[in-house]
Amino acid sequence: MAISEKEVAVYDRQLRLWGVQAQQRLLKSKVLVWGLEGSNVEVCKNLILAGVSLTVRDHRTVVIDDVAFNYFLKPEDVGKNRAECTAPRLQEMNPLSVVGHSADKPSQGGIPEFQEAVKGFDIVILGVGVIDFDINRASTIDAACRKSDACFFLSSSAGELAFFFSNLNEHTMQERSAAQGGGAGSTASTENSPAETTSYPSFQEFLECAPEQLQKDKVDASVLLVALFFAFRRQGGAADPDAGEKFAEYCRNVAKCEPEVKGMSSLKDAYGLFFLEPLVHVAAIVGGLLTQEVIKAITKRDPPMPNSLCFNAFTSTALVERIPAAKKAVKRKVEEAALDLDD
């Protein structure tokens, strides 16, 4: 795929940063952003400016609170579909990219139905709110993406916190930037540094890690809070901000894990924050980090981060974890036969 003169003029800075081959991959890529919420709004803006073709999918109607958070929406959009209102304004940001939209509701079916929904996309970015915080359905969508050879990202937030999970399947990094962050001209080629393949756990494997064990493994408290939220919802906990007391009880008596998250007064109050949009600057920071990982996945340039990231505005830190933890290599003992040199 040749890059036209018009594209060179628009993407000149990016071409200098990561090279022609990487930009060609971005221009050929197709990304589904499913759920216009949280950090996903920022991701849409970042990816469209990078030259990626986007489809935004959201069946929900715009309410006045959405206008305060989603800068692609206007007061006159209230009552209309989120995706239909967002798509043309995304398109205005980069006429060279293709922006589509869908107002279809998520299926209640299994992997085959979701495979049809993600068919043709290289990346799927799912916001948990668009599926009513149905964590089991999120796991099914991840499995459908894996079968369709698409990378899967899931985003969630809780006010001052924002989290994302990534599953790049079997990802092969083909290029690595220079140590000083140089551009395309200083890239270490695959001839000098061999390709590196990383196997990513599925979202189901993430969910199977008990919060109590994660706490023993010294996983960050912010990530533990998200893991507990997912576990509570999988056990039938209500997707209702008023269920905070039951969530705290679940953490104490069932999960036996009660992390102390800086900035959160209690687990009861923290639960209600999962149903609110994150602070704008939190969404911007995590949206930027998520975009960076999507670009790495598409361009196959530079090593991606482990699969779980949570940013806490109170500590101004983004904690990265791999869940489940990578298995340690087992050292094989080589038994040497003793030789009798006199024989």
Protein backbone atom coordinates (compact mmCIF):
# COMPACT_ATOMS: atom_id res chain seq x y z
CA MET A 1 0.00 0.00 0.00
CA ALA A 2 1.67 3.18 -1.24
CA ILE A 3 1.29 6.40 0.72
CA SER A 4 -0.05 9.27 -1.38
CA GLU A 5 1.44 12.77 -1.45
CA LYS A 6 -1.63 14.04 0.40
CA GLU A 7 -1.11 11.45 3.13
CA VAL A 8 2.58 12.31 3.34
CA ALA A 9 1.66 15.94 3.93
CA VAL A 10 -0.84 15.06 6.69
CA TYR A 11 1.20 12.32 8.40
CA ASP A 12 4.67 13.82 7.92
CA ARG A 13 5.43 14.00 11.64
CA GLN A 14 4.37 10.38 12.17
CA LEU A 15 6.38 9.18 9.20
CA ARG A 16 9.44 10.78 10.74
CA LEU A 17 8.62 9.28 14.12
CA TRP A 18 7.92 5.63 13.28
CA GLY A 19 8.62 5.23 9.55
CA VAL A 20 6.76 4.38 6.36
CA GLN A 21 6.05 0.73 7.11
CA ALA A 22 4.45 1.46 10.46
CA GLN A 23 2.30 4.24 8.96
CA GLN A 24 1.18 1.93 6.16
CA ARG A 25 -0.02 -0.58 8.75
CA LEU A 26 -1.96 2.14 10.56
CA LEU A 27 -3.63 3.27 7.33
CA LYS A 28 -4.68 -0.31 6.54
CA SER A 29 -5.95 -1.07 10.05
CA LYS A 30 -9.59 -1.20 11.17
CA VAL A 31 -10.55 -0.58 14.77
CA LEU A 32 -13.90 -1.03 16.50
CA VAL A 33 -14.49 1.23 19.50
CA TRP A 34 -17.47 -0.35 21.20
CA GLY A 35 -18.80 1.97 23.87
CA LEU A 36 -18.31 5.75 23.78
CA GLU A 37 -17.42 6.17 27.42
CA GLY A 38 -14.43 6.79 29.67
CA SER A 39 -11.04 6.72 28.02
CA ASN A 40 -12.55 5.38 24.78
CA VAL A 41 -13.55 8.90 23.72
CA GLU A 42 -9.93 10.04 23.94
CA VAL A 43 -8.79 6.91 22.07
CA CYS A 44 -11.15 7.73 19.19
CA LYS A 45 -9.61 11.16 18.80
CA ASN A 46 -6.05 9.88 18.98
CA LEU A 47 -6.54 7.03 16.52
CA ILE A 48 -8.38 9.06 13.90
CA LEU A 49 -5.57 11.63 13.91
CA ALA A 50 -3.06 8.79 13.44
CA GLY A 51 -4.83 7.66 10.26
CA VAL A 52 -6.67 4.61 11.57
CA SER A 53 -10.09 3.72 10.14
CA LEU A 54 -12.66 3.61 12.95
CA THR A 55 -16.09 2.21 13.57
CA VAL A 56 -17.81 3.54 16.68
CA ARG A 57 -20.58 1.39 18.12
CA ASP A 58 -22.98 2.38 20.89
CA HIS A 59 -26.73 1.72 21.16
CA ARG A 60 -27.32 4.23 23.96
CA THR A 61 -28.92 7.64 23.60
CA VAL A 62 -27.22 10.87 24.61
CA VAL A 63 -28.09 12.38 27.99
CA ILE A 64 -26.99 15.78 29.24
CA ASP A 65 -24.23 14.26 31.40
CA ASP A 66 -22.68 12.75 28.26
CA VAL A 67 -22.35 16.21 26.73
CA ALA A 68 -20.35 17.36 29.75
CA PHE A 69 -17.87 14.51 29.26
CA ASN A 70 -17.80 13.55 25.57
CA TYR A 71 -16.45 16.54 23.64
CA PHE A 72 -17.83 15.15 20.36
CA LEU A 73 -21.39 15.69 21.60
CA LYS A 74 -23.47 18.88 21.78
CA PRO A 75 -26.57 19.85 23.81
CA GLU A 76 -28.77 19.43 20.75
CA ASP A 77 -27.72 15.76 20.59
CA VAL A 78 -29.64 14.85 23.75
CA GLY A 79 -32.07 12.04 22.93
CA LYS A 80 -30.15 10.96 19.82
CA ASN A 81 -27.83 7.98 19.40
CA ARG A 82 -24.27 8.41 20.73
CA ALA A 83 -22.51 6.74 17.80
CA GLU A 84 -24.54 8.54 15.12
CA CYS A 85 -23.71 11.92 16.67
CA THR A 86 -20.03 11.16 17.30
CA ALA A 87 -19.06 9.61 13.93
CA PRO A 88 -19.42 12.69 11.65
CA ARG A 89 -17.46 14.88 14.09
CA LEU A 90 -14.69 12.30 14.24
CA GLN A 91 -14.65 12.27 10.45
CA GLU A 92 -14.16 16.04 10.40
CA MET A 93 -10.90 15.61 12.32
CA ASN A 94 -9.35 13.56 9.51
CA PRO A 95 -11.12 13.33 6.12
CA LEU A 96 -8.45 10.85 4.94
CA SER A 97 -9.65 8.18 7.36
CA VAL A 98 -12.89 6.22 7.18
CA VAL A 99 -15.32 6.53 10.11
CA GLY A 100 -18.32 4.25 10.41
CA HIS A 101 -20.90 3.85 13.14
CA SER A 102 -23.37 1.31 14.51
CA ALA A 103 -26.28 1.70 16.90
CA ASP A 104 -26.85 -2.06 17.26
CA LYS A 105 -27.39 -3.44 20.75
CA PRO A 106 -24.89 -6.04 22.00
CA SER A 107 -25.96 -9.62 21.33
CA GLN A 108 -27.01 -11.94 24.15
CA GLY A 109 -25.57 -14.88 22.21
CA GLY A 110 -22.30 -16.74 22.37
CA ILE A 111 -18.97 -16.69 20.60
CA PRO A 112 -20.33 -17.24 17.05
CA GLU A 113 -22.63 -14.20 17.30
CA PHE A 114 -19.85 -12.00 18.62
CA GLN A 115 -17.45 -13.29 15.97
CA GLU A 116 -19.81 -11.82 13.41
CA ALA A 117 -19.78 -8.51 15.30
CA VAL A 118 -15.97 -8.25 15.36
CA LYS A 119 -15.39 -9.70 11.89
CA GLY A 120 -12.99 -7.65 9.77
CA PHE A 121 -11.52 -5.64 12.66
CA ASP A 122 -7.88 -5.76 13.74
CA ILE A 123 -8.59 -4.25 17.17
CA VAL A 124 -11.70 -4.21 19.35
CA ILE A 125 -11.88 -1.75 22.28
CA LEU A 126 -14.80 -2.47 24.59
CA GLY A 127 -16.15 -0.22 27.33
CA VAL A 128 -17.81 -2.27 30.09
CA GLY A 129 -20.69 0.19 30.41
CA VAL A 130 -21.99 -0.51 26.91
CA ILE A 131 -22.68 -4.14 27.90
CA ASP A 132 -24.27 -3.15 31.23
CA PHE A 133 -21.12 -4.18 33.12
CA ASP A 134 -21.73 -7.82 32.14
CA ILE A 135 -18.24 -9.22 32.76
CA ASN A 136 -19.06 -12.71 31.49
CA ARG A 137 -20.21 -11.22 28.20
CA ALA A 138 -16.96 -9.25 28.01
CA SER A 139 -15.09 -12.54 28.36
CA THR A 140 -17.15 -14.01 25.51
CA ILE A 141 -16.32 -11.04 23.29
CA ASP A 142 -12.63 -11.50 24.10
CA ALA A 143 -12.89 -15.18 23.11
CA ALA A 144 -14.62 -14.18 19.86
CA CYS A 145 -11.82 -11.71 19.11
CA ARG A 146 -9.20 -14.39 19.73
CA LYS A 147 -10.94 -16.75 17.30
CA SER A 148 -11.16 -13.93 14.75
CA ASP A 149 -7.47 -13.04 15.22
CA ALA A 150 -8.36 -9.58 16.53
CA CYS A 151 -6.71 -7.92 19.51
CA PHE A 152 -9.01 -7.12 22.43
CA PHE A 153 -8.93 -4.21 24.86
CA LEU A 154 -11.37 -3.61 27.72
CA SER A 155 -11.67 -0.28 29.52
CA SER A 156 -13.27 0.57 32.84
CA SER A 157 -13.16 3.49 35.24
CA ALA A 158 -14.12 4.57 38.72
CA GLY A 159 -13.99 8.34 39.01
CA GLU A 160 -10.38 9.07 39.90
CA LEU A 161 -9.31 5.65 38.57
CA ALA A 162 -9.20 4.33 35.02
CA PHE A 163 -8.20 0.83 33.96
CA PHE A 164 -7.66 -1.15 30.79
CA PHE A 165 -6.95 -4.79 29.99
CA SER A 166 -5.26 -5.90 26.76
CA ASN A 167 -5.14 -9.23 24.97
CA LEU A 168 -2.87 -9.13 21.91
CA ASN A 169 -3.06 -12.91 21.48
CA GLU A 170 0.27 -14.09 20.01
CA HIS A 171 1.93 -10.75 19.36
CA THR A 172 5.19 -10.47 17.44
CA MET A 173 7.20 -7.28 17.77
CA GLN A 174 9.18 -6.73 14.57
CA GLU A 175 10.85 -3.36 15.23
CA ARG A 176 12.29 -1.64 18.25
CA SER A 177 12.95 2.07 18.63
CA ALA A 178 16.40 3.32 19.52
CA ALA A 179 17.26 3.65 23.20
CA GLN A 180 16.99 7.43 23.07
CA GLY A 181 13.53 7.32 21.49
CA GLY A 182 14.77 8.20 18.02
CA GLY A 183 12.56 8.09 14.96
CA ALA A 184 12.45 5.81 11.97
CA GLY A 185 16.01 6.51 10.95
CA SER A 186 17.36 5.23 14.26
CA THR A 187 15.14 2.16 14.51
CA ALA A 188 16.87 -1.10 15.29
CA SER A 189 15.92 -3.35 12.39
CA THR A 190 14.85 -6.96 12.70
CA GLU A 191 18.26 -7.93 11.27
CA ASN A 192 19.99 -6.47 14.32
CA SER A 193 17.35 -7.35 16.90
CA PRO A 194 15.30 -10.50 16.20
CA ALA A 195 11.52 -10.47 16.34
CA GLU A 196 10.07 -11.11 19.81
CA THR A 197 6.81 -13.02 20.30
CA THR A 198 4.71 -12.63 23.45
CA SER A 199 1.71 -14.76 24.41
CA TYR A 200 -1.09 -12.80 26.10
CA PRO A 201 -3.56 -14.37 28.56
CA SER A 202 -7.26 -14.26 27.74
CA PHE A 203 -9.67 -12.13 29.76
CA GLN A 204 -11.11 -15.36 31.16
CA GLU A 205 -7.68 -16.22 32.56
CA PHE A 206 -7.54 -12.76 34.15
CA LEU A 207 -10.93 -13.36 35.76
CA GLU A 208 -9.92 -16.74 37.14
CA CYS A 209 -7.26 -15.12 39.32
CA ALA A 210 -8.78 -14.79 42.80
CA PRO A 211 -8.41 -11.29 44.30
CA GLU A 212 -7.21 -12.83 47.57
CA GLN A 213 -4.30 -14.49 45.77
CA LEU A 214 -3.57 -11.32 43.79
CA GLN A 215 -3.27 -9.46 47.08
CA LYS A 216 -0.80 -12.07 48.34
CA ASP A 217 1.15 -11.57 45.10
CA LYS A 218 1.35 -7.86 46.01
CA VAL A 219 -0.72 -6.63 43.07
CA ASP A 220 -1.43 -2.89 43.37
CA ALA A 221 -4.52 -1.95 45.39
CA SER A 222 -6.07 0.01 42.49
CA VAL A 223 -5.89 -3.04 40.23
CA LEU A 224 -7.27 -5.20 43.06
CA LEU A 225 -10.29 -2.91 43.31
CA VAL A 226 -11.05 -3.41 39.62
CA ALA A 227 -10.55 -7.18 39.93
CA LEU A 228 -12.97 -7.23 42.88
CA PHE A 229 -15.54 -5.26 40.90
CA PHE A 230 -15.32 -7.77 38.05
CA ALA A 231 -15.55 -10.72 40.47
CA PHE A 232 -18.57 -9.23 42.27
CA ARG A 233 -20.41 -8.68 39.00
CA ARG A 234 -19.66 -12.23 37.86
CA GLN A 235 -21.18 -13.51 41.11
CA GLY A 236 -24.42 -11.68 40.36
CA GLY A 237 -23.70 -8.44 42.20
CA ALA A 238 -26.02 -5.64 41.07
CA ALA A 239 -24.83 -3.14 38.47
CA ASP A 240 -26.17 -0.38 40.69
CA PRO A 241 -24.22 2.33 42.51
CA ASP A 242 -26.45 1.74 45.55
CA ALA A 243 -25.08 -1.82 45.90
CA GLY A 244 -21.91 -0.54 47.55
CA GLU A 245 -22.69 -2.08 50.94
CA LYS A 246 -23.17 -5.52 49.38
CA PHE A 247 -19.92 -5.06 47.45
CA ALA A 248 -18.01 -4.24 50.64
CA GLU A 249 -19.58 -7.28 52.31
CA TYR A 250 -18.55 -9.46 49.36
CA CYS A 251 -14.97 -8.21 49.60
CA ARG A 252 -14.87 -8.87 53.33
CA ASN A 253 -16.64 -12.25 53.59
CA VAL A 254 -16.39 -13.92 50.20
CA ALA A 255 -13.34 -12.60 48.36
CA LYS A 256 -11.50 -12.03 51.65
CA CYS A 257 -9.70 -9.12 50.06
CA GLU A 258 -10.09 -5.54 51.27
CA PRO A 259 -7.54 -3.31 49.56
CA GLU A 260 -6.97 0.20 50.85
CA VAL A 261 -6.99 2.33 47.72
CA LYS A 262 -5.48 5.78 48.14
CA GLY A 263 -8.13 8.43 47.59
CA MET A 264 -11.02 6.06 48.25
CA SER A 265 -12.70 6.49 51.65
CA SER A 266 -14.27 3.02 51.59
CA LEU A 267 -15.00 0.08 49.30
CA LYS A 268 -18.68 0.94 49.56
CA ASP A 269 -18.13 4.42 48.13
CA ALA A 270 -15.63 3.15 45.57
CA TYR A 271 -18.21 0.79 44.08
CA GLY A 272 -20.53 3.64 43.14
CA LEU A 273 -17.74 5.36 41.20
CA PHE A 274 -17.62 2.53 38.63
CA PHE A 275 -20.92 3.82 37.25
CA LEU A 276 -19.64 7.37 36.73
CA GLU A 277 -17.47 8.75 33.98
CA PRO A 278 -13.84 9.30 35.05
CA LEU A 279 -12.43 12.75 35.58
CA VAL A 280 -11.53 14.28 32.23
CA HIS A 281 -7.79 14.39 32.88
CA VAL A 282 -7.86 10.75 34.04
CA ALA A 283 -9.61 9.72 30.81
CA ALA A 284 -7.07 11.72 28.79
CA ILE A 285 -4.06 10.09 30.44
CA VAL A 286 -5.35 6.52 30.22
CA GLY A 287 -6.74 7.16 26.74
CA GLY A 288 -3.26 8.21 25.64
CA LEU A 289 -1.67 5.10 27.16
CA LEU A 290 -4.32 2.84 25.64
CA THR A 291 -3.81 4.46 22.24
CA GLN A 292 -0.08 3.84 22.53
CA GLU A 293 -0.70 0.13 23.09
CA VAL A 294 -3.13 -0.06 20.16
CA ILE A 295 -0.55 1.55 17.89
CA LYS A 296 2.11 -0.91 19.08
CA ALA A 297 -0.25 -3.78 18.33
CA ILE A 298 -0.95 -2.51 14.81
CA THR A 299 2.55 -1.42 13.82
CA LYS A 300 4.34 -4.30 15.59
CA ARG A 301 6.86 -1.74 16.73
CA ASP A 302 8.26 -1.63 20.29
CA PRO A 303 7.35 -4.01 23.12
CA PRO A 304 3.80 -3.67 24.45
CA MET A 305 3.12 -3.36 28.16
CA PRO A 306 1.79 -6.24 30.25
CA ASN A 307 -1.95 -6.73 30.07
CA SER A 308 -3.33 -4.64 32.97
CA LEU A 309 -2.92 -0.94 33.67
CA CYS A 310 -4.65 1.23 36.26
CA PHE A 311 -4.10 4.96 36.74
CA ASN A 312 -4.87 6.56 40.10
CA ALA A 313 -5.22 10.35 40.04
CA PHE A 314 -4.61 10.58 43.80
CA THR A 315 -1.13 9.12 43.49
CA SER A 316 -0.54 10.33 39.90
CA THR A 317 0.79 6.89 39.01
CA ALA A 318 -0.11 4.30 36.41
CA LEU A 319 0.48 0.80 37.76
CA VAL A 320 1.14 -2.00 35.27
CA GLU A 321 0.58 -5.66 36.11
CA ARG A 322 0.53 -8.96 34.25
CA ILE A 323 -2.45 -11.03 35.38
CA PRO A 324 -2.07 -13.94 35.65
CA ALA A 325 1.64 -13.62 36.36
CA ALA A 326 3.98 -15.16 33.83
CA LYS A 327 5.04 -18.66 34.71
CA LYS A 328 8.63 -18.91 35.79
CA ALA A 329 10.82 -21.01 33.57
CA VAL A 330 11.61 -24.35 35.12
CA LYS A 331 15.30 -25.09 35.11
CA ARG A 332 15.95 -28.58 33.93
CA LYS A 333 18.58 -30.52 35.85
CA VAL A 334 20.98 -32.33 33.61
CA GLU A 335 22.16 -35.57 35.11
CA GLU A 336 25.71 -36.32 34.14
CA ALA A 337 26.84 -39.90 34.16
CA ALA A 338 30.07 -40.45 36.03
CA LEU A 339 32.71 -41.94 33.79
CA ASP A 340 35.32 -44.36 35.08
CA LEU A 341 38.40 -43.26 33.20
CA ASP A 342 40.16 -46.44 34.15
CA ASP A 343 37.77 -48.51 32.01
